[in-house]
């Protein structure tokens, strides 16, 4: 396991949740500009998480540890 990538995954997951919450909050308030801004960041964090999961999964498959 690559600890740096695992830490990056955790940080991206926290930011994804944060931006999703802000997006939803601004949508409820009718502020579409800020809602779209946070939606873009949420999409970016989801993309990063997907990439990191692929790398971490490959690392786990190649690991000799059980």
N, C-alpha and C. Protein backbone atom coordinates (compact mmCIF):
# COMPACT_ATOMS: atom_id res chain seq x y z
N UNK A 1 0.84 -1.18 0.00
CA UNK A 1 0.00 0.00 0.00
C UNK A 1 0.88 1.25 0.00
N UNK A 2 0.45 2.24 -0.71
CA UNK A 2 1.21 3.48 -0.80
C UNK A 2 0.55 4.50 0.14
N UNK A 3 1.18 4.77 1.29
CA UNK A 3 0.54 5.63 2.30
C UNK A 3 0.21 7.04 1.78
N UNK A 4 1.07 7.59 0.93
CA UNK A 4 0.82 8.93 0.42
C UNK A 4 -0.44 8.97 -0.44
N UNK A 5 -0.64 7.94 -1.26
CA UNK A 5 -1.84 7.89 -2.10
C UNK A 5 -3.08 7.62 -1.25
N UNK A 6 -2.93 6.81 -0.24
CA UNK A 6 -4.05 6.54 0.66
C UNK A 6 -4.46 7.82 1.38
N UNK A 7 -3.49 8.60 1.81
CA UNK A 7 -3.77 9.89 2.47
C UNK A 7 -4.43 10.85 1.48
N UNK A 8 -3.95 10.88 0.24
CA UNK A 8 -4.54 11.74 -0.78
C UNK A 8 -5.99 11.32 -1.04
N UNK A 9 -6.25 10.02 -1.07
CA UNK A 9 -7.62 9.53 -1.25
C UNK A 9 -8.52 10.03 -0.12
N UNK A 10 -8.03 9.95 1.13
CA UNK A 10 -8.80 10.43 2.28
C UNK A 10 -9.10 11.92 2.16
N UNK A 11 -8.10 12.70 1.76
CA UNK A 11 -8.29 14.14 1.61
C UNK A 11 -9.30 14.45 0.50
N UNK A 12 -9.20 13.75 -0.60
CA UNK A 12 -10.14 13.97 -1.71
C UNK A 12 -11.55 13.58 -1.30
N UNK A 13 -11.69 12.52 -0.53
CA UNK A 13 -13.00 12.09 -0.06
C UNK A 13 -13.62 13.14 0.86
N UNK A 14 -12.81 13.73 1.74
CA UNK A 14 -13.29 14.80 2.62
C UNK A 14 -13.73 16.01 1.81
N UNK A 15 -12.93 16.38 0.82
CA UNK A 15 -13.28 17.54 -0.01
C UNK A 15 -14.51 17.26 -0.87
N UNK A 16 -14.66 16.03 -1.34
CA UNK A 16 -15.85 15.66 -2.11
C UNK A 16 -17.10 15.87 -1.25
N UNK A 17 -17.07 15.34 -0.04
CA UNK A 17 -18.21 15.48 0.85
C UNK A 17 -18.49 16.96 1.16
N UNK A 18 -17.44 17.71 1.42
CA UNK A 18 -17.56 19.14 1.72
C UNK A 18 -18.22 19.89 0.56
N UNK A 19 -17.74 19.66 -0.65
CA UNK A 19 -18.28 20.37 -1.81
C UNK A 19 -19.69 19.91 -2.16
N UNK A 20 -19.99 18.63 -1.95
CA UNK A 20 -21.36 18.17 -2.17
C UNK A 20 -22.33 18.83 -1.20
N UNK A 21 -21.90 18.98 0.05
CA UNK A 21 -22.74 19.64 1.05
C UNK A 21 -22.97 21.11 0.70
N UNK A 22 -21.89 21.80 0.30
CA UNK A 22 -22.03 23.20 -0.08
C UNK A 22 -22.89 23.35 -1.34
N UNK A 23 -22.70 22.45 -2.31
CA UNK A 23 -23.51 22.49 -3.53
C UNK A 23 -24.99 22.37 -3.18
N UNK A 24 -25.32 21.40 -2.32
CA UNK A 24 -26.71 21.20 -1.94
C UNK A 24 -27.26 22.40 -1.18
N UNK A 25 -26.44 22.98 -0.31
CA UNK A 25 -26.85 24.15 0.46
C UNK A 25 -27.15 25.33 -0.47
N UNK A 26 -26.27 25.58 -1.44
CA UNK A 26 -26.49 26.69 -2.36
C UNK A 26 -27.66 26.42 -3.31
N UNK A 27 -27.89 25.16 -3.66
CA UNK A 27 -29.05 24.84 -4.50
C UNK A 27 -30.34 25.16 -3.75
N UNK A 28 -30.37 24.83 -2.46
CA UNK A 28 -31.55 25.13 -1.65
C UNK A 28 -31.79 26.63 -1.55
N UNK A 29 -30.70 27.41 -1.51
CA UNK A 29 -30.81 28.87 -1.42
C UNK A 29 -31.09 29.51 -2.78
N UNK A 30 -31.00 28.74 -3.84
CA UNK A 30 -31.25 29.27 -5.19
C UNK A 30 -30.04 29.97 -5.80
N UNK A 31 -28.87 29.79 -5.22
CA UNK A 31 -27.64 30.40 -5.74
C UNK A 31 -27.00 29.42 -6.73
N UNK A 32 -27.43 29.48 -7.99
CA UNK A 32 -26.97 28.50 -8.98
C UNK A 32 -25.50 28.68 -9.33
N UNK A 33 -24.99 29.92 -9.29
CA UNK A 33 -23.58 30.15 -9.62
C UNK A 33 -22.67 29.40 -8.64
N UNK A 34 -22.91 29.60 -7.36
CA UNK A 34 -22.08 28.90 -6.36
C UNK A 34 -22.36 27.41 -6.35
N UNK A 35 -23.58 27.03 -6.64
CA UNK A 35 -23.93 25.61 -6.71
C UNK A 35 -23.13 24.92 -7.81
N UNK A 36 -23.05 25.55 -8.99
CA UNK A 36 -22.29 24.98 -10.10
C UNK A 36 -20.79 24.94 -9.79
N UNK A 37 -20.30 25.98 -9.10
CA UNK A 37 -18.89 26.03 -8.71
C UNK A 37 -18.55 24.80 -7.85
N UNK A 38 -19.34 24.54 -6.82
CA UNK A 38 -19.06 23.41 -5.93
C UNK A 38 -19.36 22.08 -6.60
N UNK A 39 -20.29 22.07 -7.54
CA UNK A 39 -20.56 20.86 -8.30
C UNK A 39 -19.34 20.48 -9.14
N UNK A 40 -18.67 21.48 -9.71
CA UNK A 40 -17.45 21.24 -10.48
C UNK A 40 -16.34 20.65 -9.62
N UNK A 41 -16.18 21.20 -8.41
CA UNK A 41 -15.18 20.66 -7.49
C UNK A 41 -15.53 19.25 -7.05
N UNK A 42 -16.80 19.00 -6.81
CA UNK A 42 -17.23 17.65 -6.42
C UNK A 42 -16.92 16.66 -7.55
N UNK A 43 -17.17 17.07 -8.79
CA UNK A 43 -16.86 16.20 -9.93
C UNK A 43 -15.37 15.92 -10.02
N UNK A 44 -14.56 16.95 -9.78
CA UNK A 44 -13.11 16.79 -9.83
C UNK A 44 -12.62 15.83 -8.74
N UNK A 45 -13.16 15.96 -7.54
CA UNK A 45 -12.75 15.07 -6.44
C UNK A 45 -13.22 13.64 -6.71
N UNK A 46 -14.41 13.48 -7.28
CA UNK A 46 -14.89 12.13 -7.61
C UNK A 46 -13.99 11.49 -8.67
N UNK A 47 -13.57 12.28 -9.64
CA UNK A 47 -12.65 11.78 -10.67
C UNK A 47 -11.32 11.36 -10.04
N UNK A 48 -10.78 12.20 -9.16
CA UNK A 48 -9.52 11.89 -8.50
C UNK A 48 -9.63 10.62 -7.66
N UNK A 49 -10.73 10.46 -6.95
CA UNK A 49 -10.95 9.27 -6.15
C UNK A 49 -10.99 8.03 -7.04
N UNK A 50 -11.67 8.11 -8.18
CA UNK A 50 -11.72 6.97 -9.10
C UNK A 50 -10.32 6.57 -9.57
N UNK A 51 -9.50 7.54 -9.93
CA UNK A 51 -8.13 7.27 -10.38
C UNK A 51 -7.31 6.65 -9.24
N UNK A 52 -7.42 7.23 -8.06
CA UNK A 52 -6.66 6.71 -6.92
C UNK A 52 -7.09 5.30 -6.54
N UNK A 53 -8.39 5.02 -6.63
CA UNK A 53 -8.87 3.68 -6.31
C UNK A 53 -8.27 2.65 -7.26
N UNK A 54 -8.17 3.00 -8.54
CA UNK A 54 -7.56 2.08 -9.50
C UNK A 54 -6.11 1.78 -9.13
N UNK A 55 -5.37 2.82 -8.79
CA UNK A 55 -3.96 2.66 -8.44
C UNK A 55 -3.82 1.86 -7.15
N UNK A 56 -4.64 2.20 -6.15
CA UNK A 56 -4.56 1.50 -4.87
C UNK A 56 -5.00 0.05 -4.99
N UNK A 57 -6.02 -0.21 -5.82
CA UNK A 57 -6.45 -1.59 -6.05
C UNK A 57 -5.36 -2.41 -6.72
N UNK A 58 -4.69 -1.84 -7.71
CA UNK A 58 -3.59 -2.54 -8.38
C UNK A 58 -2.47 -2.82 -7.39
N UNK A 59 -2.19 -1.85 -6.52
CA UNK A 59 -1.14 -2.02 -5.52
C UNK A 59 -1.50 -3.15 -4.57
N UNK A 60 -2.76 -3.23 -4.17
CA UNK A 60 -3.21 -4.31 -3.28
C UNK A 60 -3.11 -5.67 -3.97
N UNK A 61 -3.45 -5.71 -5.26
CA UNK A 61 -3.36 -6.97 -6.01
C UNK A 61 -1.92 -7.44 -6.14
N UNK A 62 -0.98 -6.52 -6.25
CA UNK A 62 0.42 -6.85 -6.43
C UNK A 62 1.15 -7.08 -5.11
N UNK A 63 0.47 -6.81 -4.02
CA UNK A 63 1.09 -6.94 -2.70
C UNK A 63 1.21 -8.41 -2.33
N UNK A 64 2.33 -8.76 -1.72
CA UNK A 64 2.55 -10.13 -1.25
C UNK A 64 2.00 -10.33 0.15
N UNK A 65 1.58 -9.23 0.80
CA UNK A 65 1.05 -9.32 2.16
C UNK A 65 -0.39 -9.81 2.11
N UNK A 66 -0.77 -10.57 3.12
CA UNK A 66 -2.15 -11.06 3.22
C UNK A 66 -2.82 -10.45 4.38
